[in-house]
Amino acid sequence: MAHPWKDLIVWQKSHSLVLEVYKITNNFPEEERFGLVTQLRRSASSIAANIVEGKSKRTDKEFVSFLYNSRGSLEETRYHLLLSKDLGYLDKDIYLKLEEMTAEVSYLLNKLISSICK
């Protein structure tokens, strides 16, 4: 069965972000396992998951609604990444790489929303 959402560059980039988030959170302190790690992984995976769910809807209006949810999850993820850096769980270079990835996903989400709404 084909998955049309896999062809979306924004989904591909958001999925890469999720994989990076899972990788870096493996190194977080054990006491954050059910706190920040869970929150960060949940918000990051929600970015891609909302794109998938929205793409399966019947109308563009529904799809855009899920893209807005994805954008909200992206901003939540950005905050969790900043918090992780400020708490000393991420070094600056890793944080900057992840911030670059989130900025790209944000740009792509906004462009997709704009193109659908035209």
PDB file of N, CA and C in Angstrom:
ATOM      1  N   MET A   1       0.847  -1.193   0.000  1.00  0.00           N
ATOM      2  CA  MET A   1       0.000   0.000   0.000  1.00  0.00           C
ATOM      3  C   MET A   1       0.888   1.251   0.000  1.00  0.00           C
ATOM      4  N   ALA A   2       0.537   2.199  -0.827  1.00  0.00           N
ATOM      5  CA  ALA A   2       1.302   3.439  -0.931  1.00  0.00           C
ATOM      6  C   ALA A   2       0.980   4.367   0.236  1.00  0.00           C
ATOM      7  N   HIS A   3       1.965   5.098   0.644  1.00  0.00           N
ATOM      8  CA  HIS A   3       1.800   6.095   1.702  1.00  0.00           C
ATOM      9  C   HIS A   3       2.189   7.449   1.115  1.00  0.00           C
ATOM     10  N   PRO A   4       1.208   8.223   0.633  1.00  0.00           N
ATOM     11  CA  PRO A   4       1.530   9.477  -0.048  1.00  0.00           C
ATOM     12  C   PRO A   4       2.263  10.489   0.835  1.00  0.00           C
ATOM     13  N   TRP A   5       2.103  10.379   2.136  1.00  0.00           N
ATOM     14  CA  TRP A   5       2.790  11.306   3.034  1.00  0.00           C
ATOM     15  C   TRP A   5       4.299  11.086   3.025  1.00  0.00           C
ATOM     16  N   LYS A   6       4.742   9.881   2.656  1.00  0.00           N
ATOM     17  CA  LYS A   6       6.189   9.621   2.606  1.00  0.00           C
ATOM     18  C   LYS A   6       6.880  10.448   1.525  1.00  0.00           C
ATOM     19  N   ASP A   7       6.122  10.905   0.536  1.00  0.00           N
ATOM     20  CA  ASP A   7       6.688  11.722  -0.538  1.00  0.00           C
ATOM     21  C   ASP A   7       6.846  13.188  -0.149  1.00  0.00           C
ATOM     22  N   LEU A   8       6.214  13.591   0.943  1.00  0.00           N
ATOM     23  CA  LEU A   8       6.293  14.988   1.376  1.00  0.00           C
ATOM     24  C   LEU A   8       7.654  15.258   2.020  1.00  0.00           C
ATOM     25  N   ILE A   9       8.368  16.232   1.487  1.00  0.00           N
ATOM     26  CA  ILE A   9       9.681  16.571   2.038  1.00  0.00           C
ATOM     27  C   ILE A   9       9.552  17.002   3.494  1.00  0.00           C
ATOM     28  N   VAL A  10       8.474  17.714   3.819  1.00  0.00           N
ATOM     29  CA  VAL A  10       8.281  18.156   5.199  1.00  0.00           C
ATOM     30  C   VAL A  10       8.142  16.956   6.139  1.00  0.00           C
ATOM     31  N   TRP A  11       7.486  15.896   5.677  1.00  0.00           N
ATOM     32  CA  TRP A  11       7.400  14.693   6.508  1.00  0.00           C
ATOM     33  C   TRP A  11       8.778  14.046   6.638  1.00  0.00           C
ATOM     34  N   GLN A  12       9.515  13.940   5.552  1.00  0.00           N
ATOM     35  CA  GLN A  12      10.847  13.332   5.572  1.00  0.00           C
ATOM     36  C   GLN A  12      11.765  14.067   6.545  1.00  0.00           C
ATOM     37  N   LYS A  13      11.737  15.398   6.496  1.00  0.00           N
ATOM     38  CA  LYS A  13      12.585  16.206   7.380  1.00  0.00           C
ATOM     39  C   LYS A  13      12.122  16.093   8.832  1.00  0.00           C
ATOM     40  N   SER A  14      10.824  16.065   9.055  1.00  0.00           N
ATOM     41  CA  SER A  14      10.328  15.945  10.431  1.00  0.00           C
ATOM     42  C   SER A  14      10.638  14.561  10.995  1.00  0.00           C
ATOM     43  N   HIS A  15      10.576  13.534  10.157  1.00  0.00           N
ATOM     44  CA  HIS A  15      10.927  12.183  10.604  1.00  0.00           C
ATOM     45  C   HIS A  15      12.413  12.121  10.984  1.00  0.00           C
ATOM     46  N   SER A  16      13.263  12.763  10.205  1.00  0.00           N
ATOM     47  CA  SER A  16      14.693  12.828  10.546  1.00  0.00           C
ATOM     48  C   SER A  16      14.903  13.531  11.882  1.00  0.00           C
ATOM     49  N   LEU A  17      14.129  14.576  12.126  1.00  0.00           N
ATOM     50  CA  LEU A  17      14.212  15.285  13.408  1.00  0.00           C
ATOM     51  C   LEU A  17      13.827  14.356  14.558  1.00  0.00           C
ATOM     52  N   VAL A  18      12.763  13.593  14.382  1.00  0.00           N
ATOM     53  CA  VAL A  18      12.329  12.649  15.420  1.00  0.00           C
ATOM     54  C   VAL A  18      13.447  11.651  15.730  1.00  0.00           C
ATOM     55  N   LEU A  19      14.058  11.114  14.694  1.00  0.00           N
ATOM     56  CA  LEU A  19      15.137  10.149  14.897  1.00  0.00           C
ATOM     57  C   LEU A  19      16.304  10.768  15.669  1.00  0.00           C
ATOM     58  N   GLU A  20      16.630  12.014  15.353  1.00  0.00           N
ATOM     59  CA  GLU A  20      17.699  12.711  16.082  1.00  0.00           C
ATOM     60  C   GLU A  20      17.321  12.936  17.547  1.00  0.00           C
ATOM     61  N   VAL A  21      16.070  13.318  17.777  1.00  0.00           N
ATOM     62  CA  VAL A  21      15.608  13.544  19.150  1.00  0.00           C
ATOM     63  C   VAL A  21      15.702  12.253  19.967  1.00  0.00           C
ATOM     64  N   TYR A  22      15.284  11.148  19.382  1.00  0.00           N
ATOM     65  CA  TYR A  22      15.391   9.868  20.094  1.00  0.00           C
ATOM     66  C   TYR A  22      16.847   9.540  20.391  1.00  0.00           C
ATOM     67  N   LYS A  23      17.714   9.797  19.441  1.00  0.00           N
ATOM     68  CA  LYS A  23      19.134   9.492  19.628  1.00  0.00           C
ATOM     69  C   LYS A  23      19.743  10.331  20.752  1.00  0.00           C
ATOM     70  N   ILE A  24      19.500  11.640  20.726  1.00  0.00           N
ATOM     71  CA  ILE A  24      20.135  12.497  21.730  1.00  0.00           C
ATOM     72  C   ILE A  24      19.548  12.296  23.120  1.00  0.00           C
ATOM     73  N   THR A  25      18.271  11.959  23.205  1.00  0.00           N
ATOM     74  CA  THR A  25      17.670  11.792  24.530  1.00  0.00           C
ATOM     75  C   THR A  25      18.111  10.493  25.213  1.00  0.00           C
ATOM     76  N   ASN A  26      18.718   9.587  24.461  1.00  0.00           N
ATOM     77  CA  ASN A  26      19.294   8.390  25.094  1.00  0.00           C
ATOM     78  C   ASN A  26      20.398   8.752  26.075  1.00  0.00           C
ATOM     79  N   ASN A  27      20.983   9.945  25.917  1.00  0.00           N
ATOM     80  CA  ASN A  27      22.081  10.382  26.779  1.00  0.00           C
ATOM     81  C   ASN A  27      21.635  11.306  27.906  1.00  0.00           C
ATOM     82  N   PHE A  28      20.341  11.551  28.025  1.00  0.00           N
ATOM     83  CA  PHE A  28      19.850  12.411  29.092  1.00  0.00           C
ATOM     84  C   PHE A  28      19.939  11.667  30.426  1.00  0.00           C
ATOM     85  N   PRO A  29      19.972  12.414  31.527  1.00  0.00           N
ATOM     86  CA  PRO A  29      20.039  11.762  32.844  1.00  0.00           C
ATOM     87  C   PRO A  29      18.844  10.839  33.101  1.00  0.00           C
ATOM     88  N   GLU A  30      19.077   9.796  33.837  1.00  0.00           N
ATOM     89  CA  GLU A  30      18.031   8.809  34.140  1.00  0.00           C
ATOM     90  C   GLU A  30      16.815   9.456  34.807  1.00  0.00           C
ATOM     91  N   GLU A  31      17.040  10.473  35.640  1.00  0.00           N
ATOM     92  CA  GLU A  31      15.910  11.111  36.332  1.00  0.00           C
ATOM     93  C   GLU A  31      14.989  11.870  35.373  1.00  0.00           C
ATOM     94  N   GLU A  32      15.432  12.101  34.147  1.00  0.00           N
ATOM     95  CA  GLU A  32      14.587  12.756  33.148  1.00  0.00           C
ATOM     96  C   GLU A  32      13.856  11.760  32.246  1.00  0.00           C
ATOM     97  N   ARG A  33      14.065  10.475  32.464  1.00  0.00           N
ATOM     98  CA  ARG A  33      13.491   9.431  31.607  1.00  0.00           C
ATOM     99  C   ARG A  33      11.970   9.584  31.478  1.00  0.00           C
ATOM    100  N   PHE A  34      11.276   9.908  32.550  1.00  0.00           N
ATOM    101  CA  PHE A  34       9.821  10.035  32.514  1.00  0.00           C
ATOM    102  C   PHE A  34       9.371  11.488  32.579  1.00  0.00           C
ATOM    103  N   GLY A  35      10.309  12.393  32.426  1.00  0.00           N
ATOM    104  CA  GLY A  35       9.995  13.812  32.408  1.00  0.00           C
ATOM    105  C   GLY A  35      10.285  14.410  31.050  1.00  0.00           C
ATOM    106  N   LEU A  36      11.393  15.092  30.967  1.00  0.00           N
ATOM    107  CA  LEU A  36      11.744  15.810  29.751  1.00  0.00           C
ATOM    108  C   LEU A  36      11.934  14.881  28.549  1.00  0.00           C
ATOM    109  N   VAL A  37      12.503  13.712  28.750  1.00  0.00           N
ATOM    110  CA  VAL A  37      12.696  12.770  27.632  1.00  0.00           C
ATOM    111  C   VAL A  37      11.348  12.402  27.012  1.00  0.00           C
ATOM    112  N   THR A  38      10.400  12.053  27.853  1.00  0.00           N
ATOM    113  CA  THR A  38       9.072  11.677  27.368  1.00  0.00           C
ATOM    114  C   THR A  38       8.401  12.837  26.644  1.00  0.00           C
ATOM    115  N   GLN A  39       8.470  14.018  27.232  1.00  0.00           N
ATOM    116  CA  GLN A  39       7.838  15.196  26.633  1.00  0.00           C
ATOM    117  C   GLN A  39       8.465  15.533  25.281  1.00  0.00           C
ATOM    118  N   LEU A  40       9.787  15.503  25.224  1.00  0.00           N
ATOM    119  CA  LEU A  40      10.501  15.848  24.001  1.00  0.00           C
ATOM    120  C   LEU A  40      10.224  14.840  22.891  1.00  0.00           C
ATOM    121  N   ARG A  41      10.264  13.574  23.225  1.00  0.00           N
ATOM    122  CA  ARG A  41       9.973  12.545  22.226  1.00  0.00           C
ATOM    123  C   ARG A  41       8.522  12.624  21.753  1.00  0.00           C
ATOM    124  N   ARG A  42       7.612  12.868  22.661  1.00  0.00           N
ATOM    125  CA  ARG A  42       6.201  12.950  22.293  1.00  0.00           C
ATOM    126  C   ARG A  42       5.944  14.134  21.376  1.00  0.00           C
ATOM    127  N   SER A  43       6.477  15.299  21.732  1.00  0.00           N
ATOM    128  CA  SER A  43       6.221  16.479  20.896  1.00  0.00           C
ATOM    129  C   SER A  43       6.891  16.349  19.534  1.00  0.00           C
ATOM    130  N   ALA A  44       8.095  15.793  19.490  1.00  0.00           N
ATOM    131  CA  ALA A  44       8.789  15.627  18.205  1.00  0.00           C
ATOM    132  C   ALA A  44       8.056  14.639  17.299  1.00  0.00           C
ATOM    133  N   SER A  45       7.659  13.509  17.859  1.00  0.00           N
ATOM    134  CA  SER A  45       6.971  12.518  17.020  1.00  0.00           C
ATOM    135  C   SER A  45       5.601  13.020  16.576  1.00  0.00           C
ATOM    136  N   SER A  46       4.999  13.897  17.349  1.00  0.00           N
ATOM    137  CA  SER A  46       3.707  14.462  16.996  1.00  0.00           C
ATOM    138  C   SER A  46       3.786  15.340  15.746  1.00  0.00           C
ATOM    139  N   ILE A  47       4.948  15.922  15.484  1.00  0.00           N
ATOM    140  CA  ILE A  47       5.111  16.743  14.278  1.00  0.00           C
ATOM    141  C   ILE A  47       4.836  15.883  13.046  1.00  0.00           C
ATOM    142  N   ALA A  48       5.565  14.777  12.944  1.00  0.00           N
ATOM    143  CA  ALA A  48       5.416  13.883  11.790  1.00  0.00           C
ATOM    144  C   ALA A  48       4.059  13.178  11.800  1.00  0.00           C
ATOM    145  N   ALA A  49       3.609  12.775  12.969  1.00  0.00           N
ATOM    146  CA  ALA A  49       2.342  12.043  13.068  1.00  0.00           C
ATOM    147  C   ALA A  49       1.161  12.897  12.606  1.00  0.00           C
ATOM    148  N   ASN A  50       1.176  14.175  12.916  1.00  0.00           N
ATOM    149  CA  ASN A  50       0.089  15.057  12.467  1.00  0.00           C
ATOM    150  C   ASN A  50       0.100  15.248  10.954  1.00  0.00           C
ATOM    151  N   ILE A  51       1.278  15.253  10.354  1.00  0.00           N
ATOM    152  CA  ILE A  51       1.363  15.336   8.896  1.00  0.00           C
ATOM    153  C   ILE A  51       0.736  14.083   8.284  1.00  0.00           C
ATOM    154  N   VAL A  52       1.091  12.924   8.835  1.00  0.00           N
ATOM    155  CA  VAL A  52       0.546  11.649   8.340  1.00  0.00           C
ATOM    156  C   VAL A  52      -0.968  11.622   8.487  1.00  0.00           C
ATOM    157  N   GLU A  53      -1.451  11.966   9.666  1.00  0.00           N
ATOM    158  CA  GLU A  53      -2.894  11.920   9.897  1.00  0.00           C
ATOM    159  C   GLU A  53      -3.630  12.917   9.011  1.00  0.00           C
ATOM    160  N   GLY A  54      -3.081  14.107   8.880  1.00  0.00           N
ATOM    161  CA  GLY A  54      -3.722  15.122   8.050  1.00  0.00           C
ATOM    162  C   GLY A  54      -3.774  14.747   6.590  1.00  0.00           C
ATOM    163  N   LYS A  55      -2.706  14.133   6.103  1.00  0.00           N
ATOM    164  CA  LYS A  55      -2.655  13.728   4.696  1.00  0.00           C
ATOM    165  C   LYS A  55      -3.708  12.661   4.378  1.00  0.00           C
ATOM    166  N   SER A  56      -4.132  11.932   5.404  1.00  0.00           N
ATOM    167  CA  SER A  56      -5.134  10.877   5.181  1.00  0.00           C
ATOM    168  C   SER A  56      -6.567  11.409   5.211  1.00  0.00           C
ATOM    169  N   LYS A  57      -6.740  12.681   5.529  1.00  0.00           N
ATOM    170  CA  LYS A  57      -8.084  13.252   5.593  1.00  0.00           C
ATOM    171  C   LYS A  57      -8.622  13.528   4.198  1.00  0.00           C
ATOM    172  N   ARG A  58      -9.899  13.797   4.130  1.00  0.00           N
ATOM    173  CA  ARG A  58     -10.580  13.924   2.833  1.00  0.00           C
ATOM    174  C   ARG A  58     -10.449  15.301   2.204  1.00  0.00           C
ATOM    175  N   THR A  59     -10.285  16.333   3.019  1.00  0.00           N
ATOM    176  CA  THR A  59     -10.279  17.686   2.456  1.00  0.00           C
ATOM    177  C   THR A  59      -8.984  18.416   2.798  1.00  0.00           C
ATOM    178  N   ASP A  60      -8.684  19.402   1.977  1.00  0.00           N
ATOM    179  CA  ASP A  60      -7.522  20.248   2.239  1.00  0.00           C
ATOM    180  C   ASP A  60      -7.684  21.016   3.551  1.00  0.00           C
ATOM    181  N   LYS A  61      -8.924  21.412   3.848  1.00  0.00           N
ATOM    182  CA  LYS A  61      -9.176  22.146   5.090  1.00  0.00           C
ATOM    183  C   LYS A  61      -8.777  21.295   6.305  1.00  0.00           C
ATOM    184  N   GLU A  62      -9.146  20.021   6.277  1.00  0.00           N
ATOM    185  CA  GLU A  62      -8.768  19.119   7.371  1.00  0.00           C
ATOM    186  C   GLU A  62      -7.250  18.937   7.419  1.00  0.00           C
ATOM    187  N   PHE A  63      -6.623  18.777   6.249  1.00  0.00           N
ATOM    188  CA  PHE A  63      -5.178  18.613   6.185  1.00  0.00           C
ATOM    189  C   PHE A  63      -4.481  19.818   6.803  1.00  0.00           C
ATOM    190  N   VAL A  64      -4.913  21.013   6.433  1.00  0.00           N
ATOM    191  CA  VAL A  64      -4.296  22.236   6.963  1.00  0.00           C
ATOM    192  C   VAL A  64      -4.449  22.301   8.480  1.00  0.00           C
ATOM    193  N   SER A  65      -5.588  21.889   8.992  1.00  0.00           N
ATOM    194  CA  SER A  65      -5.799  21.879  10.437  1.00  0.00           C
ATOM    195  C   SER A  65      -4.740  21.004  11.129  1.00  0.00           C
ATOM    196  N   PHE A  66      -4.460  19.842  10.554  1.00  0.00           N
ATOM    197  CA  PHE A  66      -3.440  18.966  11.128  1.00  0.00           C
ATOM    198  C   PHE A  66      -2.037  19.551  10.947  1.00  0.00           C
ATOM    199  N   LEU A  67      -1.822  20.288   9.866  1.00  0.00           N
ATOM    200  CA  LEU A  67      -0.521  20.936   9.678  1.00  0.00           C
ATOM    201  C   LEU A  67      -0.301  22.014  10.732  1.00  0.00           C
ATOM    202  N   TYR A  68      -1.373  22.712  11.111  1.00  0.00           N
ATOM    203  CA  TYR A  68      -1.264  23.680  12.202  1.00  0.00           C
ATOM    204  C   TYR A  68      -0.946  22.974  13.527  1.00  0.00           C
ATOM    205  N   ASN A  69      -1.556  21.818  13.752  1.00  0.00           N
ATOM    206  CA  ASN A  69      -1.229  21.036  14.951  1.00  0.00           C
ATOM    207  C   ASN A  69       0.235  20.620  14.930  1.00  0.00           C
ATOM    208  N   SER A  70       0.702  20.228  13.759  1.00  0.00           N
ATOM    209  CA  SER A  70       2.103  19.843  13.592  1.00  0.00           C
ATOM    210  C   SER A  70       3.019  21.024  13.929  1.00  0.00           C
ATOM    211  N   ARG A  71       2.634  22.195  13.467  1.00  0.00           N
ATOM    212  CA  ARG A  71       3.431  23.397  13.747  1.00  0.00           C
ATOM    213  C   ARG A  71       3.460  23.702  15.244  1.00  0.00           C
ATOM    214  N   GLY A  72       2.344  23.484  15.918  1.00  0.00           N
ATOM    215  CA  GLY A  72       2.322  23.665  17.372  1.00  0.00           C
ATOM    216  C   GLY A  72       3.250  22.687  18.067  1.00  0.00           C
ATOM    217  N   SER A  73       3.243  21.447  17.632  1.00  0.00           N
ATOM    218  CA  SER A  73       4.143  20.439  18.207  1.00  0.00           C
ATOM    219  C   SER A  73       5.599  20.776  17.924  1.00  0.00           C
ATOM    220  N   LEU A  74       5.854  21.347  16.762  1.00  0.00           N
ATOM    221  CA  LEU A  74       7.213  21.765  16.421  1.00  0.00           C
ATOM    222  C   LEU A  74       7.708  22.837  17.383  1.00  0.00           C
ATOM    223  N   GLU A  75       6.875  23.808  17.653  1.00  0.00           N
ATOM    224  CA  GLU A  75       7.274  24.885  18.576  1.00  0.00           C
ATOM    225  C   GLU A  75       7.452  24.354  19.995  1.00  0.00           C
ATOM    226  N   GLU A  76       6.620  23.408  20.390  1.00  0.00           N
ATOM    227  CA  GLU A  76       6.794  22.766  21.697  1.00  0.00           C
ATOM    228  C   GLU A  76       8.141  22.044  21.741  1.00  0.00           C
ATOM    229  N   THR A  77       8.469  21.351  20.668  1.00  0.00           N
ATOM    230  CA  THR A  77       9.752  20.649  20.589  1.00  0.00           C
ATOM    231  C   THR A  77      10.908  21.634  20.683  1.00  0.00           C
ATOM    232  N   ARG A  78      10.782  22.759  19.988  1.00  0.00           N
ATOM    233  CA  ARG A  78      11.839  23.785  20.048  1.00  0.00           C
ATOM    234  C   ARG A  78      12.064  24.251  21.485  1.00  0.00           C
ATOM    235  N   TYR A  79      10.980  24.445  22.209  1.00  0.00           N
ATOM    236  CA  TYR A  79      11.133  24.857  23.603  1.00  0.00           C
ATOM    237  C   TYR A  79      11.832  23.773  24.429  1.00  0.00           C
ATOM    238  N   HIS A  80      11.406  22.528  24.259  1.00  0.00           N
ATOM    239  CA  HIS A  80      12.034  21.435  25.010  1.00  0.00           C
ATOM    240  C   HIS A  80      13.519  21.307  24.683  1.00  0.00           C
ATOM    241  N   LEU A  81      13.888  21.565  23.449  1.00  0.00           N
ATOM    242  CA  LEU A  81      15.305  21.523  23.067  1.00  0.00           C
ATOM    243  C   LEU A  81      16.078  22.658  23.734  1.00  0.00           C
ATOM    244  N   LEU A  82      15.486  23.850  23.750  1.00  0.00           N
ATOM    245  CA  LEU A  82      16.121  24.988  24.430  1.00  0.00           C
ATOM    246  C   LEU A  82      16.288  24.700  25.917  1.00  0.00           C
ATOM    247  N   LEU A  83      15.239  24.171  26.528  1.00  0.00           N
ATOM    248  CA  LEU A  83      15.302  23.812  27.938  1.00  0.00           C
ATOM    249  C   LEU A  83      16.395  22.773  28.187  1.00  0.00           C
ATOM    250  N   SER A  84      16.478  21.789  27.314  1.00  0.00           N
ATOM    251  CA  SER A  84      17.501  20.747  27.444  1.00  0.00           C
ATOM    252  C   SER A  84      18.901  21.343  27.376  1.00  0.00           C
ATOM    253  N   LYS A  85      19.099  22.292  26.466  1.00  0.00           N
ATOM    254  CA  LYS A  85      20.401  22.974  26.371  1.00  0.00           C
ATOM    255  C   LYS A  85      20.682  23.763  27.642  1.00  0.00           C
ATOM    256  N   ASP A  86      19.689  24.528  28.084  1.00  0.00           N
ATOM    257  CA  ASP A  86      19.882  25.377  29.260  1.00  0.00           C
ATOM    258  C   ASP A  86      20.113  24.567  30.533  1.00  0.00           C
ATOM    259  N   LEU A  87      19.587  23.344  30.578  1.00  0.00           N
ATOM    260  CA  LEU A  87      19.818  22.465  31.730  1.00  0.00           C
ATOM    261  C   LEU A  87      21.151  21.719  31.621  1.00  0.00           C
ATOM    262  N   GLY A  88      21.831  21.875  30.498  1.00  0.00           N
ATOM    263  CA  GLY A  88      23.130  21.241  30.311  1.00  0.00           C
ATOM    264  C   GLY A  88      23.059  19.819  29.767  1.00  0.00           C
ATOM    265  N   TYR A  89      21.903  19.417  29.250  1.00  0.00           N
ATOM    266  CA  TYR A  89      21.754  18.063  28.705  1.00  0.00           C
ATOM    267  C   TYR A  89      22.186  17.980  27.242  1.00  0.00           C
ATOM    268  N   LEU A  90      22.221  19.132  26.572  1.00  0.00           N
ATOM    269  CA  LEU A  90      22.668  19.201  25.178  1.00  0.00           C
ATOM    270  C   LEU A  90      23.818  20.194  25.083  1.00  0.00           C
ATOM    271  N   ASP A  91      24.868  19.820  24.346  1.00  0.00           N
ATOM    272  CA  ASP A  91      25.901  20.828  24.138  1.00  0.00           C
ATOM    273  C   ASP A  91      25.458  21.766  23.013  1.00  0.00           C
ATOM    274  N   LYS A  92      26.123  22.894  22.942  1.00  0.00           N
ATOM    275  CA  LYS A  92      25.703  23.964  22.035  1.00  0.00           C
ATOM    276  C   LYS A  92      25.660  23.514  20.575  1.00  0.00           C
ATOM    277  N   ASP A  93      26.651  22.749  20.131  1.00  0.00           N
ATOM    278  CA  ASP A  93      26.695  22.326  18.730  1.00  0.00           C
ATOM    279  C   ASP A  93      25.525  21.420  18.363  1.00  0.00           C
ATOM    280  N   ILE A  94      25.190  20.492  19.242  1.00  0.00           N
ATOM    281  CA  ILE A  94      24.047  19.610  18.989  1.00  0.00           C
ATOM    282  C   ILE A  94      22.757  20.418  18.989  1.00  0.00           C
ATOM    283  N   TYR A  95      22.645  21.332  19.954  1.00  0.00           N
ATOM    284  CA  TYR A  95      21.459  22.188  20.003  1.00  0.00           C
ATOM    285  C   TYR A  95      21.309  22.984  18.705  1.00  0.00           C
ATOM    286  N   LEU A  96      22.406  23.569  18.233  1.00  0.00           N
ATOM    287  CA  LEU A  96      22.345  24.373  17.008  1.00  0.00           C
ATOM    288  C   LEU A  96      21.954  23.521  15.797  1.00  0.00           C
ATOM    289  N   LYS A  97      22.448  22.294  15.745  1.00  0.00           N
ATOM    290  CA  LYS A  97      22.071  21.388  14.661  1.00  0.00           C
ATOM    291  C   LYS A  97      20.573  21.104  14.704  1.00  0.00           C
ATOM    292  N   LEU A  98      20.055  20.818  15.901  1.00  0.00           N
ATOM    293  CA  LEU A  98      18.627  20.534  16.056  1.00  0.00           C
ATOM    294  C   LEU A  98      17.776  21.774  15.785  1.00  0.00           C
ATOM    295  N   GLU A  99      18.259  22.921  16.175  1.00  0.00           N
ATOM    296  CA  GLU A  99      17.528  24.165  15.904  1.00  0.00           C
ATOM    297  C   GLU A  99      17.474  24.422  14.402  1.00  0.00           C
ATOM    298  N   GLU A 100      18.551  24.108  13.706  1.00  0.00           N
ATOM    299  CA  GLU A 100      18.573  24.236  12.248  1.00  0.00           C
ATOM    300  C   GLU A 100      17.546  23.285  11.612  1.00  0.00           C
ATOM    301  N   MET A 101      17.473  22.086  12.126  1.00  0.00           N
ATOM    302  CA  MET A 101      16.500  21.115  11.618  1.00  0.00           C
ATOM    303  C   MET A 101      15.072  21.591  11.872  1.00  0.00           C
ATOM    304  N   THR A 102      14.804  22.120  13.073  1.00  0.00           N
ATOM    305  CA  THR A 102      13.451  22.588  13.370  1.00  0.00           C
ATOM    306  C   THR A 102      13.092  23.804  12.524  1.00  0.00           C
ATOM    307  N   ALA A 103      14.064  24.670  12.271  1.00  0.00           N
ATOM    308  CA  ALA A 103      13.808  25.845  11.433  1.00  0.00           C
ATOM    309  C   ALA A 103      13.435  25.410  10.013  1.00  0.00           C
ATOM    310  N   GLU A 104      14.111  24.394   9.503  1.00  0.00           N
ATOM    311  CA  GLU A 104      13.798  23.904   8.158  1.00  0.00           C
ATOM    312  C   GLU A 104      12.402  23.294   8.109  1.00  0.00           C
ATOM    313  N   VAL A 105      12.048  22.500   9.115  1.00  0.00           N
ATOM    314  CA  VAL A 105      10.711  21.911   9.157  1.00  0.00           C
ATOM    315  C   VAL A 105       9.662  23.013   9.265  1.00  0.00           C
ATOM    316  N   SER A 106       9.926  24.023  10.076  1.00  0.00           N
ATOM    317  CA  SER A 106       8.995  25.143  10.220  1.00  0.00           C
ATOM    318  C   SER A 106       8.769  25.842   8.880  1.00  0.00           C
ATOM    319  N   TYR A 107       9.847  26.109   8.176  1.00  0.00           N
ATOM    320  CA  TYR A 107       9.760  26.749   6.865  1.00  0.00           C
ATOM    321  C   TYR A 107       8.914  25.903   5.912  1.00  0.00           C
ATOM    322  N   LEU A 108       9.199  24.604   5.869  1.00  0.00           N
ATOM    323  CA  LEU A 108       8.470  23.709   4.962  1.00  0.00           C
ATOM    324  C   LEU A 108       6.988  23.597   5.334  1.00  0.00           C
ATOM    325  N   LEU A 109       6.696  23.525   6.626  1.00  0.00           N
ATOM    326  CA  LEU A 109       5.301  23.489   7.066  1.00  0.00           C
ATOM    327  C   LEU A 109       4.565  24.754   6.630  1.00  0.00           C
ATOM    328  N   ASN A 110       5.190  25.898   6.857  1.00  0.00           N
ATOM    329  CA  ASN A 110       4.562  27.170   6.490  1.00  0.00           C
ATOM    330  C   ASN A 110       4.336  27.277   4.984  1.00  0.00           C
ATOM    331  N   LYS A 111       5.303  26.809   4.196  1.00  0.00           N
ATOM    332  CA  LYS A 111       5.159  26.845   2.740  1.00  0.00           C
ATOM    333  C   LYS A 111       4.029  25.912   2.289  1.00  0.00           C
ATOM    334  N   LEU A 112       3.938  24.723   2.897  1.00  0.00           N
ATOM    335  CA  LEU A 112       2.881  23.796   2.536  1.00  0.00           C
ATOM    336  C   LEU A 112       1.516  24.358   2.899  1.00  0.00           C
ATOM    337  N   ILE A 113       1.393  24.913   4.085  1.00  0.00           N
ATOM    338  CA  ILE A 113       0.131  25.527   4.499  1.00  0.00           C
ATOM    339  C   ILE A 113      -0.261  26.634   3.524  1.00  0.00           C
ATOM    340  N   SER A 114       0.701  27.483   3.188  1.00  0.00           N
ATOM    341  CA  SER A 114       0.422  28.589   2.256  1.00  0.00           C
ATOM    342  C   SER A 114      -0.013  28.087   0.893  1.00  0.00           C
ATOM    343  N   SER A 115       0.658  27.049   0.407  1.00  0.00           N
ATOM    344  CA  SER A 115       0.321  26.545  -0.930  1.00  0.00           C
ATOM    345  C   SER A 115      -1.064  25.903  -0.967  1.00  0.00           C
ATOM    346  N   ILE A 116      -1.460  25.245   0.106  1.00  0.00           N
ATOM    347  CA  ILE A 116      -2.778  24.632   0.155  1.00  0.00           C
ATOM    348  C   ILE A 116      -3.869  25.702   0.294  1.00  0.00           C
ATOM    349  N   CYS A 117      -3.580  26.747   1.035  1.00  0.00           N
ATOM    350  CA  CYS A 117      -4.584  27.784   1.295  1.00  0.00           C
ATOM    351  C   CYS A 117      -4.793  28.745   0.127  1.00  0.00           C
ATOM    352  N   LYS A 118      -3.938  28.681  -0.867  1.00  0.00           N
ATOM    353  CA  LYS A 118      -4.089  29.592  -2.034  1.00  0.00           C
ATOM    354  C   LYS A 118      -5.218  29.175  -2.917  1.00  0.00           C
TER     355      LYS A 118
END
